[in-house]
Amino acid sequence: MSLFITFEGPDGSGKTTQFKRLADHLRDRGCDVLAVREPGGTSIGEQIRDVLHSLANKEMQPRTEILLYCASRAQLVGQVIRPHLQSGGIVVCDRYADSTLAYQGYGHGLDLPTLRTILDFATGGLRPDITFYLDIKAEEGLKRRKAGGGEWNRMDDLPVEFHRRVRAGYLEMVAQEPARWVVIDAAREAETIAKEIQEIMEGRLTSNVKRQPS
């Protein structure tokens, strides 16, 4: 049973933690799970990630961002994600195409229809089956990022107003396609969030099994 699951959210929402926990949970359940991150997930993609996230590249233009993110994504989809799905496995991805719409579209103000055309080309039309959106206020998310002591990258370093637009963009996308998105309150304890996500996935997996032809 193939299934493509993505995690989205503002910086500091805890999506990376939850993406890893769900992947581990599904493996414990006996599922064939591939966990990947964006940008990255391949040798080529990781090199692009370094360029995108380097604080030395603050002069990078939004149009450059979209093309680099999509170059990494195209490699990941073609080399890793699609083959695993075609073999019947489950893919859990930390960020995907919706991040481009949120950050370069709503955040930077690039034309959304144009971005969707580029994204469709880069992904070959591959869309997630379910997307978990971990919602948190921009200010709180950035505060968490700084307190966590992890990577503080070029995107994190953009003004808080940018991050507010990103969050508003995510919420608009959720409203436009509620059947795919699952909104998770990310302000709670990580263990509580993980349990909720696992319970939701159990329901989805059971439903998918019931729909399989006998």
C-alpha atoms as a PDB file:
ATOM      1  CA  MET A   1       0.000   0.000   0.000  1.00  0.00           C
ATOM      2  CA  SER A   2       1.720   3.192  -1.159  1.00  0.00           C
ATOM      3  CA  LEU A   3       1.108   6.419   0.753  1.00  0.00           C
ATOM      4  CA  PHE A   4       2.744   9.837   0.485  1.00  0.00           C
ATOM      5  CA  ILE A   5       2.672  11.813   3.741  1.00  0.00           C
ATOM      6  CA  THR A   6       4.106  15.314   4.109  1.00  0.00           C
ATOM      7  CA  PHE A   7       4.708  17.618   7.078  1.00  0.00           C
ATOM      8  CA  GLU A   8       4.432  21.377   6.772  1.00  0.00           C
ATOM      9  CA  GLY A   9       4.569  24.292   9.162  1.00  0.00           C
ATOM     10  CA  PRO A  10       6.247  27.578  10.038  1.00  0.00           C
ATOM     11  CA  ASP A  11       9.816  27.512  11.284  1.00  0.00           C
ATOM     12  CA  GLY A  12       9.923  26.285  14.872  1.00  0.00           C
ATOM     13  CA  SER A  13       6.628  24.398  14.670  1.00  0.00           C
ATOM     14  CA  GLY A  14       8.272  21.081  15.579  1.00  0.00           C
ATOM     15  CA  LYS A  15       7.378  19.395  12.300  1.00  0.00           C
ATOM     16  CA  THR A  16      10.805  17.762  11.929  1.00  0.00           C
ATOM     17  CA  THR A  17      10.449  16.111  15.331  1.00  0.00           C
ATOM     18  CA  GLN A  18       6.961  14.895  14.489  1.00  0.00           C
ATOM     19  CA  PHE A  19       7.915  13.695  11.014  1.00  0.00           C
ATOM     20  CA  LYS A  20      10.622  11.490  12.544  1.00  0.00           C
ATOM     21  CA  ARG A  21       8.290  10.181  15.232  1.00  0.00           C
ATOM     22  CA  LEU A  22       5.628   9.212  12.743  1.00  0.00           C
ATOM     23  CA  ALA A  23       8.158   7.476  10.505  1.00  0.00           C
ATOM     24  CA  ASP A  24       9.418   5.460  13.496  1.00  0.00           C
ATOM     25  CA  HIS A  25       5.852   4.638  14.546  1.00  0.00           C
ATOM     26  CA  LEU A  26       4.954   3.352  11.090  1.00  0.00           C
ATOM     27  CA  ARG A  27       8.138   1.253  10.938  1.00  0.00           C
ATOM     28  CA  ASP A  28       7.260  -0.268  14.317  1.00  0.00           C
ATOM     29  CA  ARG A  29       3.891  -1.110  12.818  1.00  0.00           C
ATOM     30  CA  GLY A  30       5.663  -3.084  10.088  1.00  0.00           C
ATOM     31  CA  CYS A  31       5.319  -0.571   7.258  1.00  0.00           C
ATOM     32  CA  ASP A  32       7.979  -0.068   4.569  1.00  0.00           C
ATOM     33  CA  VAL A  33       8.781   3.587   5.322  1.00  0.00           C
ATOM     34  CA  LEU A  34      11.120   6.012   3.616  1.00  0.00           C
ATOM     35  CA  ALA A  35      11.741   9.266   5.519  1.00  0.00           C
ATOM     36  CA  VAL A  36      13.171  12.209   3.551  1.00  0.00           C
ATOM     37  CA  ARG A  37      13.597  15.947   4.018  1.00  0.00           C
ATOM     38  CA  GLU A  38      13.423  19.000   1.789  1.00  0.00           C
ATOM     39  CA  PRO A  39      15.523  20.542   0.510  1.00  0.00           C
ATOM     40  CA  GLY A  40      17.854  17.560   0.390  1.00  0.00           C
ATOM     41  CA  GLY A  41      17.268  13.834   0.524  1.00  0.00           C
ATOM     42  CA  THR A  42      19.824  13.123  -2.238  1.00  0.00           C
ATOM     43  CA  SER A  43      23.494  13.977  -2.685  1.00  0.00           C
ATOM     44  CA  ILE A  44      22.578  16.673  -5.215  1.00  0.00           C
ATOM     45  CA  GLY A  45      19.751  17.976  -3.045  1.00  0.00           C
ATOM     46  CA  GLU A  46      21.944  18.264   0.043  1.00  0.00           C
ATOM     47  CA  GLN A  47      24.442  20.385  -1.903  1.00  0.00           C
ATOM     48  CA  ILE A  48      21.599  22.659  -3.011  1.00  0.00           C
ATOM     49  CA  ARG A  49      20.369  22.821   0.610  1.00  0.00           C
ATOM     50  CA  ASP A  50      23.741  24.178   1.717  1.00  0.00           C
ATOM     51  CA  VAL A  51      23.508  26.996  -0.839  1.00  0.00           C
ATOM     52  CA  LEU A  52      19.893  27.826   0.027  1.00  0.00           C
ATOM     53  CA  HIS A  53      20.385  27.919   3.773  1.00  0.00           C
ATOM     54  CA  SER A  54      23.786  29.595   4.024  1.00  0.00           C
ATOM     55  CA  LEU A  55      23.695  32.934   5.831  1.00  0.00           C
ATOM     56  CA  ALA A  56      26.427  34.000   3.406  1.00  0.00           C
ATOM     57  CA  ASN A  57      23.805  34.101   0.623  1.00  0.00           C
ATOM     58  CA  LYS A  58      21.512  36.827   1.965  1.00  0.00           C
ATOM     59  CA  GLU A  59      21.470  38.541  -1.439  1.00  0.00           C
ATOM     60  CA  MET A  60      19.658  35.544  -2.988  1.00  0.00           C
ATOM     61  CA  GLN A  61      16.618  36.594  -5.022  1.00  0.00           C
ATOM     62  CA  PRO A  62      13.198  34.950  -4.443  1.00  0.00           C
ATOM     63  CA  ARG A  63      13.157  33.685  -8.041  1.00  0.00           C
ATOM     64  CA  THR A  64      16.518  32.029  -7.428  1.00  0.00           C
ATOM     65  CA  GLU A  65      15.080  30.396  -4.314  1.00  0.00           C
ATOM     66  CA  ILE A  66      12.136  28.877  -6.139  1.00  0.00           C
ATOM     67  CA  LEU A  67      14.349  27.431  -8.872  1.00  0.00           C
ATOM     68  CA  LEU A  68      16.868  25.984  -6.441  1.00  0.00           C
ATOM     69  CA  TYR A  69      14.203  24.487  -4.182  1.00  0.00           C
ATOM     70  CA  CYS A  70      12.501  22.943  -7.195  1.00  0.00           C
ATOM     71  CA  ALA A  71      15.787  21.592  -8.563  1.00  0.00           C
ATOM     72  CA  SER A  72      16.351  19.775  -5.278  1.00  0.00           C
ATOM     73  CA  ARG A  73      12.719  18.600  -5.268  1.00  0.00           C
ATOM     74  CA  ALA A  74      12.836  17.292  -8.833  1.00  0.00           C
ATOM     75  CA  GLN A  75      15.889  15.194  -7.987  1.00  0.00           C
ATOM     76  CA  LEU A  76      14.283  13.867  -4.798  1.00  0.00           C
ATOM     77  CA  VAL A  77      11.014  12.922  -6.496  1.00  0.00           C
ATOM     78  CA  GLY A  78      12.659  11.241  -9.476  1.00  0.00           C
ATOM     79  CA  GLN A  79      15.483   9.482  -7.653  1.00  0.00           C
ATOM     80  CA  VAL A  80      13.882   8.558  -4.335  1.00  0.00           C
ATOM     81  CA  ILE A  81      10.205   9.302  -3.675  1.00  0.00           C
ATOM     82  CA  ARG A  82       8.477   8.028  -6.796  1.00  0.00           C
ATOM     83  CA  PRO A  83      10.428   4.726  -6.961  1.00  0.00           C
ATOM     84  CA  HIS A  84       9.571   3.958  -3.325  1.00  0.00           C
ATOM     85  CA  LEU A  85       5.889   4.720  -3.859  1.00  0.00           C
ATOM     86  CA  GLN A  86       5.850   2.584  -7.000  1.00  0.00           C
ATOM     87  CA  SER A  87       7.231  -0.319  -4.975  1.00  0.00           C
ATOM     88  CA  GLY A  88       4.253  -0.022  -2.614  1.00  0.00           C
ATOM     89  CA  GLY A  89       6.019   1.759   0.234  1.00  0.00           C
ATOM     90  CA  ILE A  90       5.153   4.748   2.407  1.00  0.00           C
ATOM     91  CA  VAL A  91       7.054   8.034   2.078  1.00  0.00           C
ATOM     92  CA  VAL A  92       7.116  10.556   4.934  1.00  0.00           C
ATOM     93  CA  CYS A  93       8.560  13.906   3.844  1.00  0.00           C
ATOM     94  CA  ASP A  94       9.656  16.881   5.963  1.00  0.00           C
ATOM     95  CA  ARG A  95       8.397  19.713   3.711  1.00  0.00           C
ATOM     96  CA  TYR A  96       7.326  19.458   0.076  1.00  0.00           C
ATOM     97  CA  ALA A  97       5.813  21.646  -2.660  1.00  0.00           C
ATOM     98  CA  ASP A  98       3.442  23.452  -0.270  1.00  0.00           C
ATOM     99  CA  SER A  99       6.481  25.035   1.376  1.00  0.00           C
ATOM    100  CA  THR A 100       7.310  26.779  -1.892  1.00  0.00           C
ATOM    101  CA  LEU A 101       3.803  28.206  -2.144  1.00  0.00           C
ATOM    102  CA  ALA A 102       3.931  29.331   1.498  1.00  0.00           C
ATOM    103  CA  TYR A 103       7.428  30.811   1.528  1.00  0.00           C
ATOM    104  CA  GLN A 104       8.130  32.027  -1.999  1.00  0.00           C
ATOM    105  CA  GLY A 105       4.466  32.612  -2.895  1.00  0.00           C
ATOM    106  CA  TYR A 106       2.750  34.053   0.162  1.00  0.00           C
ATOM    107  CA  GLY A 107       5.967  35.046   1.962  1.00  0.00           C
ATOM    108  CA  HIS A 108       7.860  36.731  -0.880  1.00  0.00           C
ATOM    109  CA  GLY A 109       4.813  37.570  -2.978  1.00  0.00           C
ATOM    110  CA  LEU A 110       5.726  35.663  -6.144  1.00  0.00           C
ATOM    111  CA  ASP A 111       2.884  34.854  -8.539  1.00  0.00           C
ATOM    112  CA  LEU A 112       1.069  31.762  -7.247  1.00  0.00           C
ATOM    113  CA  PRO A 113      -0.182  30.413 -10.622  1.00  0.00           C
ATOM    114  CA  THR A 114       3.368  30.639 -11.998  1.00  0.00           C
ATOM    115  CA  LEU A 115       4.746  28.835  -8.964  1.00  0.00           C
ATOM    116  CA  ARG A 116       2.163  26.065  -9.342  1.00  0.00           C
ATOM    117  CA  THR A 117       3.221  25.547 -12.961  1.00  0.00           C
ATOM    118  CA  ILE A 118       6.887  25.281 -11.944  1.00  0.00           C
ATOM    119  CA  LEU A 119       6.006  22.933  -9.070  1.00  0.00           C
ATOM    120  CA  ASP A 120       3.969  20.692 -11.341  1.00  0.00           C
ATOM    121  CA  PHE A 121       6.937  20.427 -13.703  1.00  0.00           C
ATOM    122  CA  ALA A 122       9.417  19.727 -10.887  1.00  0.00           C
ATOM    123  CA  THR A 123       7.288  17.057  -9.207  1.00  0.00           C
ATOM    124  CA  GLY A 124       5.789  15.503 -12.328  1.00  0.00           C
ATOM    125  CA  GLY A 125       2.398  16.173 -10.756  1.00  0.00           C
ATOM    126  CA  LEU A 126       3.096  14.058  -7.658  1.00  0.00           C
ATOM    127  CA  ARG A 127       0.910  15.247  -4.768  1.00  0.00           C
ATOM    128  CA  PRO A 128       0.718  14.103  -1.142  1.00  0.00           C
ATOM    129  CA  ASP A 129      -2.093  11.874   0.060  1.00  0.00           C
ATOM    130  CA  ILE A 130      -2.127  13.588   3.445  1.00  0.00           C
ATOM    131  CA  THR A 131      -0.370  16.699   4.766  1.00  0.00           C
ATOM    132  CA  PHE A 132       0.039  17.404   8.466  1.00  0.00           C
ATOM    133  CA  TYR A 133       0.248  21.143   9.095  1.00  0.00           C
ATOM    134  CA  LEU A 134       1.725  22.031  12.491  1.00  0.00           C
ATOM    135  CA  ASP A 135       0.392  25.475  13.281  1.00  0.00           C
ATOM    136  CA  ILE A 136       2.118  27.981  15.537  1.00  0.00           C
ATOM    137  CA  LYS A 137       2.349  31.770  15.633  1.00  0.00           C
ATOM    138  CA  ALA A 138       5.363  33.117  13.774  1.00  0.00           C
ATOM    139  CA  GLU A 139       6.836  34.844  16.828  1.00  0.00           C
ATOM    140  CA  GLU A 140       6.565  31.720  18.982  1.00  0.00           C
ATOM    141  CA  GLY A 141       8.052  29.508  16.293  1.00  0.00           C
ATOM    142  CA  LEU A 142      11.093  31.743  15.810  1.00  0.00           C
ATOM    143  CA  LYS A 143      11.545  31.951  19.568  1.00  0.00           C
ATOM    144  CA  ARG A 144      11.616  28.158  19.702  1.00  0.00           C
ATOM    145  CA  ARG A 145      14.149  27.991  16.876  1.00  0.00           C
ATOM    146  CA  LYS A 146      16.540  30.313  18.664  1.00  0.00           C
ATOM    147  CA  ALA A 147      16.115  28.544  22.007  1.00  0.00           C
ATOM    148  CA  GLY A 148      16.644  25.136  20.430  1.00  0.00           C
ATOM    149  CA  GLY A 149      20.224  25.892  19.488  1.00  0.00           C
ATOM    150  CA  GLY A 150      19.976  24.093  16.141  1.00  0.00           C
ATOM    151  CA  GLU A 151      20.496  25.357  12.624  1.00  0.00           C
ATOM    152  CA  TRP A 152      19.593  29.036  12.187  1.00  0.00           C
ATOM    153  CA  ASN A 153      19.509  29.454   8.446  1.00  0.00           C
ATOM    154  CA  ARG A 154      18.996  32.214   5.885  1.00  0.00           C
ATOM    155  CA  MET A 155      15.220  31.668   5.757  1.00  0.00           C
ATOM    156  CA  ASP A 156      14.894  31.797   9.549  1.00  0.00           C
ATOM    157  CA  ASP A 157      16.772  35.111   9.481  1.00  0.00           C
ATOM    158  CA  LEU A 158      14.115  36.879   7.384  1.00  0.00           C
ATOM    159  CA  PRO A 159      11.929  39.518   9.136  1.00  0.00           C
ATOM    160  CA  VAL A 160       9.070  38.334  11.345  1.00  0.00           C
ATOM    161  CA  GLU A 161       6.586  39.974   8.957  1.00  0.00           C
ATOM    162  CA  PHE A 162       7.721  37.495   6.300  1.00  0.00           C
ATOM    163  CA  HIS A 163       7.046  34.568   8.642  1.00  0.00           C
ATOM    164  CA  ARG A 164       3.600  35.949   9.481  1.00  0.00           C
ATOM    165  CA  ARG A 165       2.745  35.968   5.767  1.00  0.00           C
ATOM    166  CA  VAL A 166       4.002  32.396   5.477  1.00  0.00           C
ATOM    167  CA  ARG A 167       1.694  31.234   8.265  1.00  0.00           C
ATOM    168  CA  ALA A 168      -1.265  33.108   6.758  1.00  0.00           C
ATOM    169  CA  GLY A 169      -0.489  31.427   3.430  1.00  0.00           C
ATOM    170  CA  TYR A 170      -0.529  27.981   4.988  1.00  0.00           C
ATOM    171  CA  LEU A 171      -3.894  28.659   6.603  1.00  0.00           C
ATOM    172  CA  GLU A 172      -5.287  29.812   3.268  1.00  0.00           C
ATOM    173  CA  MET A 173      -4.092  26.632   1.556  1.00  0.00           C
ATOM    174  CA  VAL A 174      -5.683  24.539   4.304  1.00  0.00           C
ATOM    175  CA  ALA A 175      -8.992  26.300   3.727  1.00  0.00           C
ATOM    176  CA  GLN A 176      -8.745  25.691  -0.028  1.00  0.00           C
ATOM    177  CA  GLU A 177      -8.088  21.946   0.262  1.00  0.00           C
ATOM    178  CA  PRO A 178      -9.384  20.692   3.646  1.00  0.00           C
ATOM    179  CA  ALA A 179      -9.622  17.033   2.587  1.00  0.00           C
ATOM    180  CA  ARG A 180      -5.833  16.699   2.275  1.00  0.00           C
ATOM    181  CA  TRP A 181      -4.674  18.860   5.179  1.00  0.00           C
ATOM    182  CA  VAL A 182      -4.749  17.962   8.877  1.00  0.00           C
ATOM    183  CA  VAL A 183      -4.184  20.949  11.163  1.00  0.00           C
ATOM    184  CA  ILE A 184      -2.280  20.207  14.366  1.00  0.00           C
ATOM    185  CA  ASP A 185      -1.949  22.667  17.253  1.00  0.00           C
ATOM    186  CA  ALA A 186       1.851  22.818  17.577  1.00  0.00           C
ATOM    187  CA  ALA A 187       1.845  24.861  20.800  1.00  0.00           C
ATOM    188  CA  ARG A 188       1.354  21.709  22.900  1.00  0.00           C
ATOM    189  CA  GLU A 189       3.790  19.134  24.275  1.00  0.00           C
ATOM    190  CA  ALA A 190       5.580  17.055  21.639  1.00  0.00           C
ATOM    191  CA  GLU A 191       4.335  13.776  23.120  1.00  0.00           C
ATOM    192  CA  THR A 192       0.710  14.910  22.953  1.00  0.00           C
ATOM    193  CA  ILE A 193       1.118  15.989  19.342  1.00  0.00           C
ATOM    194  CA  ALA A 194       2.810  12.708  18.374  1.00  0.00           C
ATOM    195  CA  LYS A 195      -0.022  10.677  19.893  1.00  0.00           C
ATOM    196  CA  GLU A 196      -2.651  12.692  18.005  1.00  0.00           C
ATOM    197  CA  ILE A 197      -0.831  12.275  14.683  1.00  0.00           C
ATOM    198  CA  GLN A 198      -0.398   8.541  15.242  1.00  0.00           C
ATOM    199  CA  GLU A 199      -4.088   8.111  16.030  1.00  0.00           C
ATOM    200  CA  ILE A 200      -5.055   9.997  12.879  1.00  0.00           C
ATOM    201  CA  MET A 201      -2.726   7.835  10.794  1.00  0.00           C
ATOM    202  CA  GLU A 202      -4.109   4.641  12.294  1.00  0.00           C
ATOM    203  CA  GLY A 203      -7.553   5.724  11.119  1.00  0.00           C
ATOM    204  CA  ARG A 204      -6.244   6.518   7.629  1.00  0.00           C
ATOM    205  CA  LEU A 205      -4.374   3.220   7.335  1.00  0.00           C
ATOM    206  CA  THR A 206      -7.402   1.225   8.437  1.00  0.00           C
ATOM    207  CA  SER A 207      -9.577   3.098   5.975  1.00  0.00           C
ATOM    208  CA  ASN A 208      -7.117   2.470   3.129  1.00  0.00           C
ATOM    209  CA  VAL A 209      -6.961  -1.247   3.892  1.00  0.00           C
ATOM    210  CA  LYS A 210     -10.740  -1.495   3.818  1.00  0.00           C
ATOM    211  CA  ARG A 211     -10.783   0.158   0.390  1.00  0.00           C
ATOM    212  CA  GLN A 212      -8.264  -2.277  -1.091  1.00  0.00           C
ATOM    213  CA  PRO A 213      -9.832  -4.723  -3.573  1.00  0.00           C
ATOM    214  CA  SER A 214     -10.161  -8.270  -2.264  1.00  0.00           C
END
